[in-house]
N, C-alpha and C. Protein backbone atom coordinates (compact mmCIF):
# COMPACT_ATOMS: atom_id res chain seq x y z
N MET A 1 12.91 0.17 1.41
CA MET A 1 12.13 1.60 1.78
C MET A 1 13.21 2.59 2.38
N THR A 2 13.30 3.45 2.13
CA THR A 2 13.74 5.01 2.64
C THR A 2 12.98 4.71 3.49
N GLU A 3 13.27 5.92 4.49
CA GLU A 3 13.10 6.63 5.78
C GLU A 3 11.69 7.70 5.42
N TYR A 4 12.13 8.32 3.96
CA TYR A 4 11.02 9.24 3.47
C TYR A 4 9.99 7.89 2.73
N GLU A 5 10.25 7.75 2.37
CA GLU A 5 8.91 5.93 2.00
C GLU A 5 7.98 6.37 3.63
N ARG A 6 9.13 5.46 4.46
CA ARG A 6 8.23 5.16 5.27
C ARG A 6 6.73 6.50 5.78
N ARG A 7 7.97 7.38 5.73
CA ARG A 7 6.95 8.37 6.31
C ARG A 7 6.04 8.65 5.57
N LEU A 8 6.08 8.75 4.16
CA LEU A 8 4.99 8.59 3.28
C LEU A 8 4.25 8.22 3.55
N ILE A 9 4.03 6.96 3.14
CA ILE A 9 3.64 5.64 3.84
C ILE A 9 2.70 5.89 4.91
N ASP A 10 3.34 5.96 5.84
CA ASP A 10 2.93 6.22 7.20
C ASP A 10 1.19 8.16 7.17
N LEU A 11 1.65 8.80 6.29
CA LEU A 11 0.65 9.54 6.38
C LEU A 11 -0.04 8.83 5.35
N LEU A 12 0.58 7.90 4.15
CA LEU A 12 -1.60 7.78 3.39
C LEU A 12 -1.83 7.01 3.94
N ILE A 13 -1.26 6.50 5.23
CA ILE A 13 -2.24 5.58 6.21
C ILE A 13 -3.30 6.50 6.81
N SER A 14 -2.31 7.66 7.90
CA SER A 14 -3.76 8.67 8.14
C SER A 14 -4.61 9.03 7.35
N ALA A 15 -3.96 9.33 6.05
CA ALA A 15 -5.15 10.03 5.30
C ALA A 15 -6.33 9.09 4.86
N HIS A 16 -6.46 8.05 4.19
CA HIS A 16 -6.71 7.25 3.39
C HIS A 16 -6.92 5.69 4.32
N PRO A 17 -7.17 5.47 5.58
CA PRO A 17 -7.36 4.18 6.59
C PRO A 17 -7.71 3.37 6.13
N ALA A 18 -8.73 3.16 5.12
CA ALA A 18 -9.46 2.12 3.84
C ALA A 18 -8.39 1.18 3.03
N TRP A 19 -7.35 1.28 3.28
CA TRP A 19 -6.54 1.01 2.04
C TRP A 19 -5.11 -0.10 3.29
N ARG A 20 -4.91 -0.85 2.51
CA ARG A 20 -3.53 -1.83 3.18
C ARG A 20 -3.02 -1.20 1.91
N TYR A 21 -1.01 -1.29 2.09
CA TYR A 21 -0.09 -0.90 1.51
C TYR A 21 1.03 -1.76 1.26
N GLU A 22 1.21 -1.75 0.00
CA GLU A 22 2.03 -3.11 -0.03
C GLU A 22 3.02 -2.68 -1.33
N HIS A 23 4.57 -2.87 -1.27
CA HIS A 23 6.19 -2.61 -1.78
C HIS A 23 5.95 -3.99 -2.09
N LEU A 24 6.07 -4.05 -3.52
CA LEU A 24 6.55 -5.06 -4.64
C LEU A 24 7.94 -4.51 -5.64
N HIS A 25 8.32 -5.78 -5.75
CA HIS A 25 10.12 -5.44 -6.76
C HIS A 25 9.26 -6.63 -7.51
N LEU A 26 8.26 -6.48 -8.68
CA LEU A 26 8.40 -7.05 -9.59
C LEU A 26 7.95 -6.45 -10.67
N PRO A 27 8.98 -6.98 -11.55
CA PRO A 27 9.13 -6.40 -13.56
C PRO A 27 8.57 -5.55 -14.32
N GLY A 28 7.60 -4.93 -14.67
CA GLY A 28 6.91 -3.96 -15.09
C GLY A 28 5.89 -4.24 -15.37
N LEU A 29 5.70 -4.36 -13.96
CA LEU A 29 4.51 -3.83 -12.27
C LEU A 29 4.80 -2.94 -11.02
N PRO A 30 3.51 -2.55 -11.67
CA PRO A 30 3.67 -0.96 -10.51
C PRO A 30 4.60 -1.09 -9.18
N ARG A 31 6.23 -0.55 -8.12
CA ARG A 31 6.05 -0.64 -7.10
C ARG A 31 5.12 -0.49 -6.27
N TRP A 32 4.05 0.25 -5.83
CA TRP A 32 3.75 0.85 -4.71
C TRP A 32 1.60 0.18 -5.04
N TRP A 33 1.37 -0.33 -4.29
CA TRP A 33 -0.29 -0.53 -4.41
C TRP A 33 -0.33 -0.11 -2.66
N ALA A 34 -2.10 0.11 -3.21
CA ALA A 34 -2.84 0.49 -2.07
C ALA A 34 -4.38 -0.96 -2.24
N ILE A 35 -4.27 -1.53 -1.68
CA ILE A 35 -6.35 -1.98 -1.81
C ILE A 35 -6.48 -1.93 -0.16
N ARG A 36 -7.52 -1.64 -0.72
CA ARG A 36 -9.17 -1.71 -0.37
C ARG A 36 -9.09 -2.35 0.83
N TYR A 37 -9.67 -2.21 2.04
CA TYR A 37 -10.36 -3.60 3.24
C TYR A 37 -11.00 -4.50 3.19
N LYS A 38 -12.21 -3.00 2.56
CA LYS A 38 -13.55 -3.44 2.59
C LYS A 38 -13.95 -3.42 0.70
N PRO A 39 -15.01 -4.20 -0.27
CA PRO A 39 -15.10 -3.48 -1.93
C PRO A 39 -16.05 -2.85 -1.69
N LEU A 40 -15.69 -2.66 -2.36
CA LEU A 40 -16.67 -1.04 -3.17
C LEU A 40 -18.25 -1.91 -3.91
N ARG A 41 -19.51 -0.59 -3.67
CA ARG A 41 -21.08 -1.03 -4.47
C ARG A 41 -20.99 -0.98 -5.46
N SER A 42 -22.00 -1.58 -6.16
CA SER A 42 -21.50 -1.56 -7.75
C SER A 42 -21.57 -0.07 -7.91
N ASP A 43 -22.29 0.99 -8.01
CA ASP A 43 -22.37 2.27 -7.94
C ASP A 43 -20.96 3.15 -8.49
N GLN A 44 -20.23 2.89 -6.73
CA GLN A 44 -19.11 2.80 -7.12
C GLN A 44 -17.99 3.57 -7.69
N ARG A 45 -18.05 1.58 -8.31
CA ARG A 45 -17.19 1.08 -8.78
C ARG A 45 -17.50 1.81 -10.09
N ALA A 46 -18.99 1.79 -10.99
CA ALA A 46 -19.65 2.40 -12.77
C ALA A 46 -19.19 3.70 -12.13
N ALA A 47 -18.85 4.73 -11.25
CA ALA A 47 -18.79 6.57 -11.03
C ALA A 47 -16.71 6.01 -11.68
N GLY A 48 -15.97 4.62 -11.05
CA GLY A 48 -14.39 4.78 -11.70
C GLY A 48 -14.07 4.61 -10.74
N ALA A 49 -13.97 4.01 -9.01
CA ALA A 49 -13.84 3.96 -8.12
C ALA A 49 -13.43 2.55 -8.15
N ARG A 50 -11.93 2.22 -8.08
CA ARG A 50 -11.04 0.62 -8.13
C ARG A 50 -10.86 0.21 -6.28
N ASP A 51 -10.81 -1.30 -6.22
CA ASP A 51 -9.92 -1.66 -5.42
C ASP A 51 -8.85 -1.86 -5.33
N ILE A 52 -8.34 -1.72 -6.28
CA ILE A 52 -6.75 -1.73 -6.08
C ILE A 52 -6.01 -0.27 -6.96
N LEU A 53 -5.12 0.02 -6.32
CA LEU A 53 -4.65 0.76 -7.60
C LEU A 53 -2.62 0.65 -6.79
N GLY A 54 -1.93 0.71 -8.08
CA GLY A 54 -1.16 0.55 -8.60
C GLY A 54 0.18 1.72 -8.97
N ARG A 55 0.98 2.01 -8.22
CA ARG A 55 1.97 3.36 -8.93
C ARG A 55 2.94 2.85 -9.00
N THR A 56 3.75 3.94 -9.71
CA THR A 56 5.05 3.41 -9.99
C THR A 56 5.43 4.66 -9.19
N THR A 57 5.83 5.21 -8.24
CA THR A 57 6.24 6.10 -6.78
C THR A 57 4.71 6.43 -6.11
N LEU A 58 5.41 6.55 -5.36
CA LEU A 58 5.04 6.54 -3.43
C LEU A 58 3.21 8.53 -4.17
N HIS A 59 4.54 9.05 -4.84
CA HIS A 59 3.97 10.61 -4.79
C HIS A 59 2.87 10.00 -6.33
N ARG A 60 2.64 9.42 -7.39
CA ARG A 60 1.97 8.62 -7.29
C ARG A 60 0.33 8.72 -7.01
N LEU A 61 1.05 7.02 -6.33
CA LEU A 61 -0.34 6.07 -5.41
C LEU A 61 -0.79 7.36 -5.09
N ALA A 62 -0.29 8.11 -4.01
CA ALA A 62 -0.75 9.28 -3.33
C ALA A 62 -2.13 10.22 -4.22
N GLU A 63 -1.57 10.33 -5.41
CA GLU A 63 -2.90 11.26 -6.45
C GLU A 63 -3.66 10.63 -6.67
N ALA A 64 -3.28 9.28 -7.05
CA ALA A 64 -4.61 8.51 -7.42
C ALA A 64 -5.43 8.25 -6.31
N LEU A 65 -4.72 8.36 -4.92
CA LEU A 65 -6.21 8.77 -3.54
C LEU A 65 -6.76 9.67 -3.63
N ALA A 66 -6.08 10.61 -3.79
CA ALA A 66 -6.86 11.67 -3.24
C ALA A 66 -7.67 11.30 -5.13
N HIS A 67 -7.99 11.32 -5.74
CA HIS A 67 -8.77 11.55 -6.79
C HIS A 67 -9.74 9.99 -6.76
N HIS A 68 -9.35 9.62 -6.17
CA HIS A 68 -10.72 8.45 -5.77
C HIS A 68 -10.74 8.79 -5.00
N ASP A 69 -10.84 8.97 -3.55
CA ASP A 69 -11.45 10.02 -2.92
C ASP A 69 -12.48 10.70 -3.26
N GLU A 70 -12.19 12.34 -4.40
CA GLU A 70 -13.00 12.84 -5.28
C GLU A 70 -14.40 11.64 -5.90
N ILE A 71 -14.16 10.87 -6.71
CA ILE A 71 -15.05 9.52 -6.53
C ILE A 71 -16.00 9.15 -5.43
N LEU A 72 -15.12 8.73 -4.76
CA LEU A 72 -15.98 8.41 -3.59
C LEU A 72 -17.42 9.69 -3.10
N HIS A 73 -16.44 10.85 -2.60
CA HIS A 73 -17.65 11.46 -1.92
C HIS A 73 -18.60 12.36 -3.21
N ARG A 74 -17.98 11.94 -4.77
CA ARG A 74 -20.00 12.20 -4.98
C ARG A 74 -20.07 11.10 -5.43
N THR A 75 -20.49 10.22 -4.89
CA THR A 75 -21.04 8.83 -4.98
C THR A 75 -21.76 8.71 -3.75
N ARG A 76 -21.53 9.44 -2.24
CA ARG A 76 -22.22 9.09 -1.16
C ARG A 76 -23.03 9.20 -1.54
N PRO A 77 -24.33 7.98 -0.50
CA PRO A 77 -25.53 7.99 0.04
C PRO A 77 -26.15 9.01 0.16
């Protein structure tokens, strides 16, 4: 992991603490993963929220987490 990636992970942890972050090197699969610590409610899943997000780059993962936050914001009780 590069220094840039480490800093970006630190920012993601700070901005999105409900997630655990993983870095994998498996052919044909995304490199970066975010896994929620707590399961989602059924209404959040129905709105498009997910428990696991995988993307090829940290930048794309950050974008997916931002979009995910928008979904969760719309489904707040």
